[in-house]
Amino acid sequence: MKRKALIIDDEFEMCLLLKLYLIKKEYEVDMAYNLKDGINKIDSFNPSIIFLDNNLPDGSGWQMAKEILEHYPFIKISLMSSLRPSVPSSISYESVFIMEKPLSKREIDKCLSSFSE
């Protein structure tokens, strides 16, 4: 079964570049540009990892991470932000990886390998 990644970020170019890189890593990828659409795609797409931006047009992705993990404990989340805010204390670091933008291939690979261990 192919690994699946969902990217939730309002920056179209960021989504596209990350999608192309993940496809090369043999992931099936879907994208959403706001929280509402991203949350709606979780059930239908069934991702194993979500790349979640913090500052989205309809809310804070990092604040939504706790709720996602409560409903979908099998999903891993890569929290992304250009301004590294505090991670909500209620989030388990076992299920998240934090990446600062701009992303590098090395950091993405580090994230993917940390979840595959």
PDB file of N, CA and C in Angstrom:
ATOM      1  N   MET A   1       0.831  -1.179   0.000  1.00  0.00           N
ATOM      2  CA  MET A   1       0.000   0.000   0.000  1.00  0.00           C
ATOM      3  C   MET A   1       0.882   1.251   0.000  1.00  0.00           C
ATOM      4  N   LYS A   2       0.557   2.196  -0.854  1.00  0.00           N
ATOM      5  CA  LYS A   2       1.345   3.409  -0.990  1.00  0.00           C
ATOM      6  C   LYS A   2       1.141   4.336   0.208  1.00  0.00           C
ATOM      7  N   ARG A   3       2.215   4.956   0.655  1.00  0.00           N
ATOM      8  CA  ARG A   3       2.136   5.930   1.742  1.00  0.00           C
ATOM      9  C   ARG A   3       1.440   7.185   1.222  1.00  0.00           C
ATOM     10  N   LYS A   4       0.670   7.832   2.102  1.00  0.00           N
ATOM     11  CA  LYS A   4      -0.094   9.002   1.693  1.00  0.00           C
ATOM     12  C   LYS A   4       0.255  10.197   2.574  1.00  0.00           C
ATOM     13  N   ALA A   5       0.370  11.359   1.926  1.00  0.00           N
ATOM     14  CA  ALA A   5       0.647  12.606   2.631  1.00  0.00           C
ATOM     15  C   ALA A   5      -0.386  13.650   2.229  1.00  0.00           C
ATOM     16  N   LEU A   6      -0.881  14.364   3.213  1.00  0.00           N
ATOM     17  CA  LEU A   6      -1.799  15.477   2.988  1.00  0.00           C
ATOM     18  C   LEU A   6      -1.072  16.754   3.371  1.00  0.00           C
ATOM     19  N   ILE A   7      -1.044  17.714   2.467  1.00  0.00           N
ATOM     20  CA  ILE A   7      -0.417  19.011   2.722  1.00  0.00           C
ATOM     21  C   ILE A   7      -1.526  20.028   2.936  1.00  0.00           C
ATOM     22  N   ILE A   8      -1.501  20.708   4.081  1.00  0.00           N
ATOM     23  CA  ILE A   8      -2.464  21.764   4.371  1.00  0.00           C
ATOM     24  C   ILE A   8      -1.677  23.056   4.549  1.00  0.00           C
ATOM     25  N   ASP A   9      -1.690  23.878   3.520  1.00  0.00           N
ATOM     26  CA  ASP A   9      -0.919  25.124   3.505  1.00  0.00           C
ATOM     27  C   ASP A   9      -1.573  26.060   2.503  1.00  0.00           C
ATOM     28  N   ASP A  10      -1.670  27.322   2.845  1.00  0.00           N
ATOM     29  CA  ASP A  10      -2.318  28.278   1.954  1.00  0.00           C
ATOM     30  C   ASP A  10      -1.388  28.834   0.876  1.00  0.00           C
ATOM     31  N   GLU A  11      -0.117  28.460   0.913  1.00  0.00           N
ATOM     32  CA  GLU A  11       0.827  28.904  -0.110  1.00  0.00           C
ATOM     33  C   GLU A  11       0.879  27.845  -1.214  1.00  0.00           C
ATOM     34  N   PHE A  12       0.265  28.160  -2.351  1.00  0.00           N
ATOM     35  CA  PHE A  12       0.154  27.203  -3.450  1.00  0.00           C
ATOM     36  C   PHE A  12       1.518  26.684  -3.894  1.00  0.00           C
ATOM     37  N   GLU A  13       2.484  27.585  -4.038  1.00  0.00           N
ATOM     38  CA  GLU A  13       3.817  27.176  -4.505  1.00  0.00           C
ATOM     39  C   GLU A  13       4.476  26.213  -3.525  1.00  0.00           C
ATOM     40  N   MET A  14       4.318  26.481  -2.221  1.00  0.00           N
ATOM     41  CA  MET A  14       4.870  25.589  -1.195  1.00  0.00           C
ATOM     42  C   MET A  14       4.251  24.205  -1.314  1.00  0.00           C
ATOM     43  N   CYS A  15       2.935  24.162  -1.474  1.00  0.00           N
ATOM     44  CA  CYS A  15       2.244  22.880  -1.628  1.00  0.00           C
ATOM     45  C   CYS A  15       2.768  22.123  -2.835  1.00  0.00           C
ATOM     46  N   LEU A  16       2.888  22.818  -3.940  1.00  0.00           N
ATOM     47  CA  LEU A  16       3.318  22.175  -5.180  1.00  0.00           C
ATOM     48  C   LEU A  16       4.742  21.640  -5.075  1.00  0.00           C
ATOM     49  N   LEU A  17       5.655  22.430  -4.535  1.00  0.00           N
ATOM     50  CA  LEU A  17       7.042  21.973  -4.396  1.00  0.00           C
ATOM     51  C   LEU A  17       7.141  20.777  -3.447  1.00  0.00           C
ATOM     52  N   LEU A  18       6.438  20.851  -2.332  1.00  0.00           N
ATOM     53  CA  LEU A  18       6.455  19.739  -1.378  1.00  0.00           C
ATOM     54  C   LEU A  18       5.808  18.504  -1.988  1.00  0.00           C
ATOM     55  N   LYS A  19       4.724  18.694  -2.717  1.00  0.00           N
ATOM     56  CA  LYS A  19       4.053  17.572  -3.375  1.00  0.00           C
ATOM     57  C   LYS A  19       4.992  16.876  -4.357  1.00  0.00           C
ATOM     58  N   LEU A  20       5.671  17.655  -5.196  1.00  0.00           N
ATOM     59  CA  LEU A  20       6.591  17.070  -6.181  1.00  0.00           C
ATOM     60  C   LEU A  20       7.716  16.292  -5.499  1.00  0.00           C
ATOM     61  N   TYR A  21       8.237  16.811  -4.397  1.00  0.00           N
ATOM     62  CA  TYR A  21       9.296  16.111  -3.669  1.00  0.00           C
ATOM     63  C   TYR A  21       8.776  14.816  -3.056  1.00  0.00           C
ATOM     64  N   LEU A  22       7.589  14.873  -2.473  1.00  0.00           N
ATOM     65  CA  LEU A  22       7.019  13.670  -1.848  1.00  0.00           C
ATOM     66  C   LEU A  22       6.660  12.608  -2.882  1.00  0.00           C
ATOM     67  N   ILE A  23       6.223  13.020  -4.045  1.00  0.00           N
ATOM     68  CA  ILE A  23       5.948  12.062  -5.118  1.00  0.00           C
ATOM     69  C   ILE A  23       7.236  11.318  -5.493  1.00  0.00           C
ATOM     70  N   LYS A  24       8.349  12.028  -5.542  1.00  0.00           N
ATOM     71  CA  LYS A  24       9.640  11.374  -5.818  1.00  0.00           C
ATOM     72  C   LYS A  24      10.005  10.372  -4.723  1.00  0.00           C
ATOM     73  N   LYS A  25       9.493  10.612  -3.517  1.00  0.00           N
ATOM     74  CA  LYS A  25       9.728   9.700  -2.393  1.00  0.00           C
ATOM     75  C   LYS A  25       8.660   8.605  -2.337  1.00  0.00           C
ATOM     76  N   GLU A  26       7.860   8.511  -3.400  1.00  0.00           N
ATOM     77  CA  GLU A  26       6.833   7.481  -3.579  1.00  0.00           C
ATOM     78  C   GLU A  26       5.644   7.634  -2.632  1.00  0.00           C
ATOM     79  N   TYR A  27       5.259   8.863  -2.382  1.00  0.00           N
ATOM     80  CA  TYR A  27       4.037   9.148  -1.628  1.00  0.00           C
ATOM     81  C   TYR A  27       2.930   9.521  -2.597  1.00  0.00           C
ATOM     82  N   GLU A  28       1.722   9.140  -2.251  1.00  0.00           N
ATOM     83  CA  GLU A  28       0.542   9.675  -2.908  1.00  0.00           C
ATOM     84  C   GLU A  28       0.204  10.941  -2.126  1.00  0.00           C
ATOM     85  N   VAL A  29      -0.059  12.049  -2.821  1.00  0.00           N
ATOM     86  CA  VAL A  29      -0.187  13.337  -2.148  1.00  0.00           C
ATOM     87  C   VAL A  29      -1.487  14.033  -2.530  1.00  0.00           C
ATOM     88  N   ASP A  30      -2.125  14.633  -1.529  1.00  0.00           N
ATOM     89  CA  ASP A  30      -3.272  15.507  -1.756  1.00  0.00           C
ATOM     90  C   ASP A  30      -2.976  16.821  -1.039  1.00  0.00           C
ATOM     91  N   MET A  31      -3.668  17.891  -1.471  1.00  0.00           N
ATOM     92  CA  MET A  31      -3.410  19.217  -0.913  1.00  0.00           C
ATOM     93  C   MET A  31      -4.713  19.909  -0.549  1.00  0.00           C
ATOM     94  N   ALA A  32      -4.618  20.781   0.445  1.00  0.00           N
ATOM     95  CA  ALA A  32      -5.728  21.656   0.824  1.00  0.00           C
ATOM     96  C   ALA A  32      -5.109  23.002   1.196  1.00  0.00           C
ATOM     97  N   TYR A  33      -5.846  24.068   0.932  1.00  0.00           N
ATOM     98  CA  TYR A  33      -5.303  25.408   1.141  1.00  0.00           C
ATOM     99  C   TYR A  33      -5.896  26.125   2.352  1.00  0.00           C
ATOM    100  N   ASN A  34      -6.724  25.409   3.131  1.00  0.00           N
ATOM    101  CA  ASN A  34      -7.242  25.946   4.391  1.00  0.00           C
ATOM    102  C   ASN A  34      -7.580  24.770   5.309  1.00  0.00           C
ATOM    103  N   LEU A  35      -7.800  25.074   6.582  1.00  0.00           N
ATOM    104  CA  LEU A  35      -8.074  24.030   7.579  1.00  0.00           C
ATOM    105  C   LEU A  35      -9.339  23.246   7.272  1.00  0.00           C
ATOM    106  N   LYS A  36     -10.400  23.950   6.941  1.00  0.00           N
ATOM    107  CA  LYS A  36     -11.685  23.283   6.709  1.00  0.00           C
ATOM    108  C   LYS A  36     -11.561  22.221   5.622  1.00  0.00           C
ATOM    109  N   ASP A  37     -10.989  22.586   4.480  1.00  0.00           N
ATOM    110  CA  ASP A  37     -10.838  21.617   3.391  1.00  0.00           C
ATOM    111  C   ASP A  37      -9.882  20.491   3.783  1.00  0.00           C
ATOM    112  N   GLY A  38      -8.816  20.840   4.500  1.00  0.00           N
ATOM    113  CA  GLY A  38      -7.857  19.831   4.929  1.00  0.00           C
ATOM    114  C   GLY A  38      -8.477  18.811   5.869  1.00  0.00           C
ATOM    115  N   ILE A  39      -9.218  19.290   6.849  1.00  0.00           N
ATOM    116  CA  ILE A  39      -9.878  18.395   7.806  1.00  0.00           C
ATOM    117  C   ILE A  39     -10.875  17.495   7.072  1.00  0.00           C
ATOM    118  N   ASN A  40     -11.602  18.069   6.121  1.00  0.00           N
ATOM    119  CA  ASN A  40     -12.574  17.286   5.354  1.00  0.00           C
ATOM    120  C   ASN A  40     -11.912  16.192   4.516  1.00  0.00           C
ATOM    121  N   LYS A  41     -10.661  16.390   4.114  1.00  0.00           N
ATOM    122  CA  LYS A  41      -9.971  15.403   3.279  1.00  0.00           C
ATOM    123  C   LYS A  41      -9.388  14.242   4.080  1.00  0.00           C
ATOM    124  N   ILE A  42      -9.257  14.388   5.381  1.00  0.00           N
ATOM    125  CA  ILE A  42      -8.610  13.337   6.179  1.00  0.00           C
ATOM    126  C   ILE A  42      -9.353  12.011   6.049  1.00  0.00           C
ATOM    127  N   ASP A  43     -10.654  12.006   6.233  1.00  0.00           N
ATOM    128  CA  ASP A  43     -11.418  10.754   6.157  1.00  0.00           C
ATOM    129  C   ASP A  43     -11.383  10.121   4.773  1.00  0.00           C
ATOM    130  N   SER A  44     -11.529  10.928   3.746  1.00  0.00           N
ATOM    131  CA  SER A  44     -11.596  10.363   2.390  1.00  0.00           C
ATOM    132  C   SER A  44     -10.226   9.966   1.857  1.00  0.00           C
ATOM    133  N   PHE A  45      -9.177  10.697   2.234  1.00  0.00           N
ATOM    134  CA  PHE A  45      -7.843  10.424   1.696  1.00  0.00           C
ATOM    135  C   PHE A  45      -7.051   9.460   2.572  1.00  0.00           C
ATOM    136  N   ASN A  46      -7.305   9.483   3.888  1.00  0.00           N
ATOM    137  CA  ASN A  46      -6.650   8.583   4.835  1.00  0.00           C
ATOM    138  C   ASN A  46      -5.114   8.692   4.804  1.00  0.00           C
ATOM    139  N   PRO A  47      -4.582   9.891   5.083  1.00  0.00           N
ATOM    140  CA  PRO A  47      -3.121  10.055   5.040  1.00  0.00           C
ATOM    141  C   PRO A  47      -2.431   9.431   6.247  1.00  0.00           C
ATOM    142  N   SER A  48      -1.178   9.060   6.055  1.00  0.00           N
ATOM    143  CA  SER A  48      -0.380   8.594   7.185  1.00  0.00           C
ATOM    144  C   SER A  48       0.385   9.758   7.799  1.00  0.00           C
ATOM    145  N   ILE A  49       0.584  10.830   7.017  1.00  0.00           N
ATOM    146  CA  ILE A  49       1.266  12.022   7.500  1.00  0.00           C
ATOM    147  C   ILE A  49       0.569  13.262   6.953  1.00  0.00           C
ATOM    148  N   ILE A  50       0.507  14.286   7.796  1.00  0.00           N
ATOM    149  CA  ILE A  50      -0.054  15.569   7.388  1.00  0.00           C
ATOM    150  C   ILE A  50       1.030  16.626   7.572  1.00  0.00           C
ATOM    151  N   PHE A  51       1.282  17.390   6.523  1.00  0.00           N
ATOM    152  CA  PHE A  51       2.162  18.551   6.600  1.00  0.00           C
ATOM    153  C   PHE A  51       1.244  19.746   6.837  1.00  0.00           C
ATOM    154  N   LEU A  52       1.294  20.313   8.039  1.00  0.00           N
ATOM    155  CA  LEU A  52       0.310  21.284   8.492  1.00  0.00           C
ATOM    156  C   LEU A  52       0.956  22.627   8.799  1.00  0.00           C
ATOM    157  N   ASP A  53       0.579  23.636   8.031  1.00  0.00           N
ATOM    158  CA  ASP A  53       1.067  24.991   8.266  1.00  0.00           C
ATOM    159  C   ASP A  53       0.374  25.572   9.490  1.00  0.00           C
ATOM    160  N   ASN A  54       1.020  26.532  10.138  1.00  0.00           N
ATOM    161  CA  ASN A  54       0.420  27.145  11.315  1.00  0.00           C
ATOM    162  C   ASN A  54      -0.571  28.237  10.943  1.00  0.00           C
ATOM    163  N   ASN A  55      -0.148  29.196  10.130  1.00  0.00           N
ATOM    164  CA  ASN A  55      -0.982  30.351   9.807  1.00  0.00           C
ATOM    165  C   ASN A  55      -1.784  30.095   8.542  1.00  0.00           C
ATOM    166  N   LEU A  56      -3.050  29.762   8.740  1.00  0.00           N
ATOM    167  CA  LEU A  56      -3.947  29.482   7.623  1.00  0.00           C
ATOM    168  C   LEU A  56      -5.075  30.505   7.617  1.00  0.00           C
ATOM    169  N   PRO A  57      -5.717  30.697   6.468  1.00  0.00           N
ATOM    170  CA  PRO A  57      -6.761  31.728   6.378  1.00  0.00           C
ATOM    171  C   PRO A  57      -7.908  31.541   7.375  1.00  0.00           C
ATOM    172  N   ASP A  58      -8.182  30.307   7.765  1.00  0.00           N
ATOM    173  CA  ASP A  58      -9.314  30.058   8.655  1.00  0.00           C
ATOM    174  C   ASP A  58      -8.906  29.544  10.035  1.00  0.00           C
ATOM    175  N   GLY A  59      -7.655  29.782  10.430  1.00  0.00           N
ATOM    176  CA  GLY A  59      -7.256  29.412  11.780  1.00  0.00           C
ATOM    177  C   GLY A  59      -5.822  28.951  11.899  1.00  0.00           C
ATOM    178  N   SER A  60      -5.470  28.545  13.103  1.00  0.00           N
ATOM    179  CA  SER A  60      -4.124  28.067  13.406  1.00  0.00           C
ATOM    180  C   SER A  60      -4.051  26.553  13.235  1.00  0.00           C
ATOM    181  N   GLY A  61      -3.249  26.125  12.286  1.00  0.00           N
ATOM    182  CA  GLY A  61      -3.061  24.694  12.071  1.00  0.00           C
ATOM    183  C   GLY A  61      -2.477  24.003  13.290  1.00  0.00           C
ATOM    184  N   TRP A  62      -1.554  24.682  13.972  1.00  0.00           N
ATOM    185  CA  TRP A  62      -0.902  24.063  15.122  1.00  0.00           C
ATOM    186  C   TRP A  62      -1.903  23.837  16.251  1.00  0.00           C
ATOM    187  N   GLN A  63      -2.854  24.733  16.414  1.00  0.00           N
ATOM    188  CA  GLN A  63      -3.885  24.552  17.435  1.00  0.00           C
ATOM    189  C   GLN A  63      -4.816  23.396  17.054  1.00  0.00           C
ATOM    190  N   MET A  64      -5.043  23.199  15.763  1.00  0.00           N
ATOM    191  CA  MET A  64      -5.921  22.127  15.290  1.00  0.00           C
ATOM    192  C   MET A  64      -5.227  20.763  15.383  1.00  0.00           C
ATOM    193  N   ALA A  65      -3.911  20.747  15.476  1.00  0.00           N
ATOM    194  CA  ALA A  65      -3.163  19.484  15.514  1.00  0.00           C
ATOM    195  C   ALA A  65      -3.613  18.592  16.660  1.00  0.00           C
ATOM    196  N   LYS A  66      -3.878  19.171  17.822  1.00  0.00           N
ATOM    197  CA  LYS A  66      -4.316  18.380  18.977  1.00  0.00           C
ATOM    198  C   LYS A  66      -5.615  17.646  18.658  1.00  0.00           C
ATOM    199  N   GLU A  67      -6.564  18.347  18.064  1.00  0.00           N
ATOM    200  CA  GLU A  67      -7.848  17.731  17.722  1.00  0.00           C
ATOM    201  C   GLU A  67      -7.681  16.641  16.661  1.00  0.00           C
ATOM    202  N   ILE A  68      -6.821  16.892  15.697  1.00  0.00           N
ATOM    203  CA  ILE A  68      -6.562  15.876  14.658  1.00  0.00           C
ATOM    204  C   ILE A  68      -6.006  14.613  15.305  1.00  0.00           C
ATOM    205  N   LEU A  69      -5.031  14.778  16.192  1.00  0.00           N
ATOM    206  CA  LEU A  69      -4.412  13.618  16.837  1.00  0.00           C
ATOM    207  C   LEU A  69      -5.381  12.876  17.752  1.00  0.00           C
ATOM    208  N   GLU A  70      -6.324  13.605  18.357  1.00  0.00           N
ATOM    209  CA  GLU A  70      -7.323  12.939  19.201  1.00  0.00           C
ATOM    210  C   GLU A  70      -8.255  12.062  18.367  1.00  0.00           C
ATOM    211  N   HIS A  71      -8.628  12.536  17.192  1.00  0.00           N
ATOM    212  CA  HIS A  71      -9.550  11.787  16.324  1.00  0.00           C
ATOM    213  C   HIS A  71      -8.838  10.759  15.446  1.00  0.00           C
ATOM    214  N   TYR A  72      -7.574  11.012  15.145  1.00  0.00           N
ATOM    215  CA  TYR A  72      -6.807  10.142  14.243  1.00  0.00           C
ATOM    216  C   TYR A  72      -5.428   9.871  14.859  1.00  0.00           C
ATOM    217  N   PRO A  73      -5.353   9.065  15.908  1.00  0.00           N
ATOM    218  CA  PRO A  73      -4.084   8.857  16.617  1.00  0.00           C
ATOM    219  C   PRO A  73      -3.004   8.162  15.785  1.00  0.00           C
ATOM    220  N   PHE A  74      -3.367   7.556  14.676  1.00  0.00           N
ATOM    221  CA  PHE A  74      -2.398   6.863  13.820  1.00  0.00           C
ATOM    222  C   PHE A  74      -1.674   7.824  12.888  1.00  0.00           C
ATOM    223  N   ILE A  75      -2.168   9.043  12.739  1.00  0.00           N
ATOM    224  CA  ILE A  75      -1.578  10.015  11.813  1.00  0.00           C
ATOM    225  C   ILE A  75      -0.399  10.718  12.481  1.00  0.00           C
ATOM    226  N   LYS A  76       0.640  10.961  11.715  1.00  0.00           N
ATOM    227  CA  LYS A  76       1.780  11.766  12.149  1.00  0.00           C
ATOM    228  C   LYS A  76       1.605  13.149  11.523  1.00  0.00           C
ATOM    229  N   ILE A  77       2.056  14.171  12.230  1.00  0.00           N
ATOM    230  CA  ILE A  77       1.879  15.536  11.743  1.00  0.00           C
ATOM    231  C   ILE A  77       3.218  16.267  11.730  1.00  0.00           C
ATOM    232  N   SER A  78       3.528  16.861  10.594  1.00  0.00           N
ATOM    233  CA  SER A  78       4.675  17.737  10.486  1.00  0.00           C
ATOM    234  C   SER A  78       4.156  19.168  10.575  1.00  0.00           C
ATOM    235  N   LEU A  79       4.460  19.832  11.674  1.00  0.00           N
ATOM    236  CA  LEU A  79       4.034  21.209  11.877  1.00  0.00           C
ATOM    237  C   LEU A  79       5.023  22.136  11.182  1.00  0.00           C
ATOM    238  N   MET A  80       4.497  23.012  10.317  1.00  0.00           N
ATOM    239  CA  MET A  80       5.353  23.908   9.545  1.00  0.00           C
ATOM    240  C   MET A  80       4.996  25.358   9.858  1.00  0.00           C
ATOM    241  N   SER A  81       6.016  26.222   9.895  1.00  0.00           N
ATOM    242  CA  SER A  81       5.780  27.645  10.083  1.00  0.00           C
ATOM    243  C   SER A  81       7.040  28.420   9.735  1.00  0.00           C
ATOM    244  N   SER A  82       6.853  29.624   9.215  1.00  0.00           N
ATOM    245  CA  SER A  82       8.008  30.491   8.988  1.00  0.00           C
ATOM    246  C   SER A  82       8.370  31.237  10.269  1.00  0.00           C
ATOM    247  N   LEU A  83       7.409  31.362  11.167  1.00  0.00           N
ATOM    248  CA  LEU A  83       7.640  31.957  12.482  1.00  0.00           C
ATOM    249  C   LEU A  83       7.359  30.879  13.509  1.00  0.00           C
ATOM    250  N   ARG A  84       8.377  30.351  14.108  1.00  0.00           N
ATOM    251  CA  ARG A  84       8.220  29.196  14.998  1.00  0.00           C
ATOM    252  C   ARG A  84       7.517  29.575  16.299  1.00  0.00           C
ATOM    253  N   PRO A  85       6.209  29.371  16.357  1.00  0.00           N
ATOM    254  CA  PRO A  85       5.488  29.653  17.600  1.00  0.00           C
ATOM    255  C   PRO A  85       5.665  28.506  18.594  1.00  0.00           C
ATOM    256  N   SER A  86       5.124  28.684  19.767  1.00  0.00           N
ATOM    257  CA  SER A  86       5.169  27.619  20.767  1.00  0.00           C
ATOM    258  C   SER A  86       4.232  26.490  20.358  1.00  0.00           C
ATOM    259  N   VAL A  87       4.710  25.287  20.519  1.00  0.00           N
ATOM    260  CA  VAL A  87       3.870  24.123  20.256  1.00  0.00           C
ATOM    261  C   VAL A  87       2.909  23.976  21.426  1.00  0.00           C
ATOM    262  N   PRO A  88       1.627  23.801  21.157  1.00  0.00           N
ATOM    263  CA  PRO A  88       0.684  23.612  22.262  1.00  0.00           C
ATOM    264  C   PRO A  88       1.145  22.482  23.180  1.00  0.00           C
ATOM    265  N   SER A  89       1.106  22.729  24.479  1.00  0.00           N
ATOM    266  CA  SER A  89       1.635  21.771  25.451  1.00  0.00           C
ATOM    267  C   SER A  89       0.885  20.443  25.443  1.00  0.00           C
ATOM    268  N   SER A  90      -0.308  20.422  24.906  1.00  0.00           N
ATOM    269  CA  SER A  90      -1.112  19.202  24.910  1.00  0.00           C
ATOM    270  C   SER A  90      -0.755  18.249  23.764  1.00  0.00           C
ATOM    271  N   ILE A  91       0.180  18.636  22.912  1.00  0.00           N
ATOM    272  CA  ILE A  91       0.548  17.798  21.770  1.00  0.00           C
ATOM    273  C   ILE A  91       1.728  16.907  22.144  1.00  0.00           C
ATOM    274  N   SER A  92       1.616  15.629  21.852  1.00  0.00           N
ATOM    275  CA  SER A  92       2.690  14.673  22.097  1.00  0.00           C
ATOM    276  C   SER A  92       3.759  14.813  21.011  1.00  0.00           C
ATOM    277  N   TYR A  93       4.990  14.962  21.438  1.00  0.00           N
ATOM    278  CA  TYR A  93       6.071  15.098  20.478  1.00  0.00           C
ATOM    279  C   TYR A  93       6.341  13.808  19.710  1.00  0.00           C
ATOM    280  N   GLU A  94       5.784  12.689  20.140  1.00  0.00           N
ATOM    281  CA  GLU A  94       5.961  11.425  19.428  1.00  0.00           C
ATOM    282  C   GLU A  94       5.225  11.433  18.096  1.00  0.00           C
ATOM    283  N   SER A  95       4.173  12.235  17.994  1.00  0.00           N
ATOM    284  CA  SER A  95       3.337  12.257  16.799  1.00  0.00           C
ATOM    285  C   SER A  95       3.575  13.464  15.918  1.00  0.00           C
ATOM    286  N   VAL A  96       4.485  14.356  16.322  1.00  0.00           N
ATOM    287  CA  VAL A  96       4.723  15.560  15.534  1.00  0.00           C
ATOM    288  C   VAL A  96       6.203  15.745  15.245  1.00  0.00           C
ATOM    289  N   PHE A  97       6.450  16.470  14.172  1.00  0.00           N
ATOM    290  CA  PHE A  97       7.790  16.892  13.794  1.00  0.00           C
ATOM    291  C   PHE A  97       7.653  18.358  13.424  1.00  0.00           C
ATOM    292  N   ILE A  98       8.555  19.191  13.864  1.00  0.00           N
ATOM    293  CA  ILE A  98       8.455  20.626  13.613  1.00  0.00           C
ATOM    294  C   ILE A  98       9.483  21.042  12.566  1.00  0.00           C
ATOM    295  N   MET A  99       8.987  21.769  11.552  1.00  0.00           N
ATOM    296  CA  MET A  99       9.869  22.264  10.493  1.00  0.00           C
ATOM    297  C   MET A  99       9.645  23.761  10.306  1.00  0.00           C
ATOM    298  N   GLU A 100      10.756  24.493  10.208  1.00  0.00           N
ATOM    299  CA  GLU A 100      10.676  25.918   9.931  1.00  0.00           C
ATOM    300  C   GLU A 100      10.836  26.147   8.436  1.00  0.00           C
ATOM    301  N   LYS A 101      10.017  27.067   7.929  1.00  0.00           N
ATOM    302  CA  LYS A 101      10.127  27.458   6.523  1.00  0.00           C
ATOM    303  C   LYS A 101      11.233  28.504   6.404  1.00  0.00           C
ATOM    304  N   PRO A 102      11.951  28.552   5.317  1.00  0.00           N
ATOM    305  CA  PRO A 102      11.787  27.694   4.140  1.00  0.00           C
ATOM    306  C   PRO A 102      12.285  26.282   4.427  1.00  0.00           C
ATOM    307  N   LEU A 103      11.577  25.317   3.871  1.00  0.00           N
ATOM    308  CA  LEU A 103      11.912  23.910   4.071  1.00  0.00           C
ATOM    309  C   LEU A 103      13.110  23.525   3.214  1.00  0.00           C
ATOM    310  N   SER A 104      13.878  22.594   3.717  1.00  0.00           N
ATOM    311  CA  SER A 104      14.985  22.040   2.936  1.00  0.00           C
ATOM    312  C   SER A 104      14.723  20.554   2.709  1.00  0.00           C
ATOM    313  N   LYS A 105      15.327  20.011   1.674  1.00  0.00           N
ATOM    314  CA  LYS A 105      15.188  18.572   1.405  1.00  0.00           C
ATOM    315  C   LYS A 105      15.693  17.769   2.600  1.00  0.00           C
ATOM    316  N   ARG A 106      16.758  18.220   3.199  1.00  0.00           N
ATOM    317  CA  ARG A 106      17.341  17.523   4.352  1.00  0.00           C
ATOM    318  C   ARG A 106      16.338  17.466   5.503  1.00  0.00           C
ATOM    319  N   GLU A 107      15.644  18.582   5.753  1.00  0.00           N
ATOM    320  CA  GLU A 107      14.687  18.629   6.854  1.00  0.00           C
ATOM    321  C   GLU A 107      13.464  17.751   6.555  1.00  0.00           C
ATOM    322  N   ILE A 108      13.006  17.765   5.315  1.00  0.00           N
ATOM    323  CA  ILE A 108      11.875  16.907   4.932  1.00  0.00           C
ATOM    324  C   ILE A 108      12.256  15.445   5.090  1.00  0.00           C
ATOM    325  N   ASP A 109      13.443  15.078   4.630  1.00  0.00           N
ATOM    326  CA  ASP A 109      13.912  13.695   4.771  1.00  0.00           C
ATOM    327  C   ASP A 109      14.033  13.298   6.243  1.00  0.00           C
ATOM    328  N   LYS A 110      14.519  14.214   7.062  1.00  0.00           N
ATOM    329  CA  LYS A 110      14.643  13.955   8.501  1.00  0.00           C
ATOM    330  C   LYS A 110      13.258  13.706   9.104  1.00  0.00           C
ATOM    331  N   CYS A 111      12.279  14.495   8.685  1.00  0.00           N
ATOM    332  CA  CYS A 111      10.912  14.325   9.150  1.00  0.00           C
ATOM    333  C   CYS A 111      10.382  12.957   8.742  1.00  0.00           C
ATOM    334  N   LEU A 112      10.509  12.614   7.473  1.00  0.00           N
ATOM    335  CA  LEU A 112       9.985  11.339   6.975  1.00  0.00           C
ATOM    336  C   LEU A 112      10.654  10.156   7.668  1.00  0.00           C
ATOM    337  N   SER A 113      11.950  10.225   7.879  1.00  0.00           N
ATOM    338  CA  SER A 113      12.644   9.112   8.527  1.00  0.00           C
ATOM    339  C   SER A 113      12.274   9.018  10.008  1.00  0.00           C
ATOM    340  N   SER A 114      12.002  10.144  10.653  1.00  0.00           N
ATOM    341  CA  SER A 114      11.639  10.085  12.068  1.00  0.00           C
ATOM    342  C   SER A 114      10.291   9.378  12.265  1.00  0.00           C
ATOM    343  N   PHE A 115       9.419   9.458  11.281  1.00  0.00           N
ATOM    344  CA  PHE A 115       8.121   8.802  11.383  1.00  0.00           C
ATOM    345  C   PHE A 115       8.155   7.355  10.917  1.00  0.00           C
ATOM    346  N   SER A 116       9.159   6.974  10.177  1.00  0.00           N
ATOM    347  CA  SER A 116       9.209   5.605   9.677  1.00  0.00           C
ATOM    348  C   SER A 116       9.929   4.666  10.635  1.00  0.00           C
ATOM    349  N   GLU A 117      10.521   5.215  11.683  1.00  0.00           N
ATOM    350  CA  GLU A 117      11.261   4.380  12.646  1.00  0.00           C
ATOM    351  C   GLU A 117      10.344   3.622  13.562  1.00  0.00           C
TER     352      GLU A 117
END
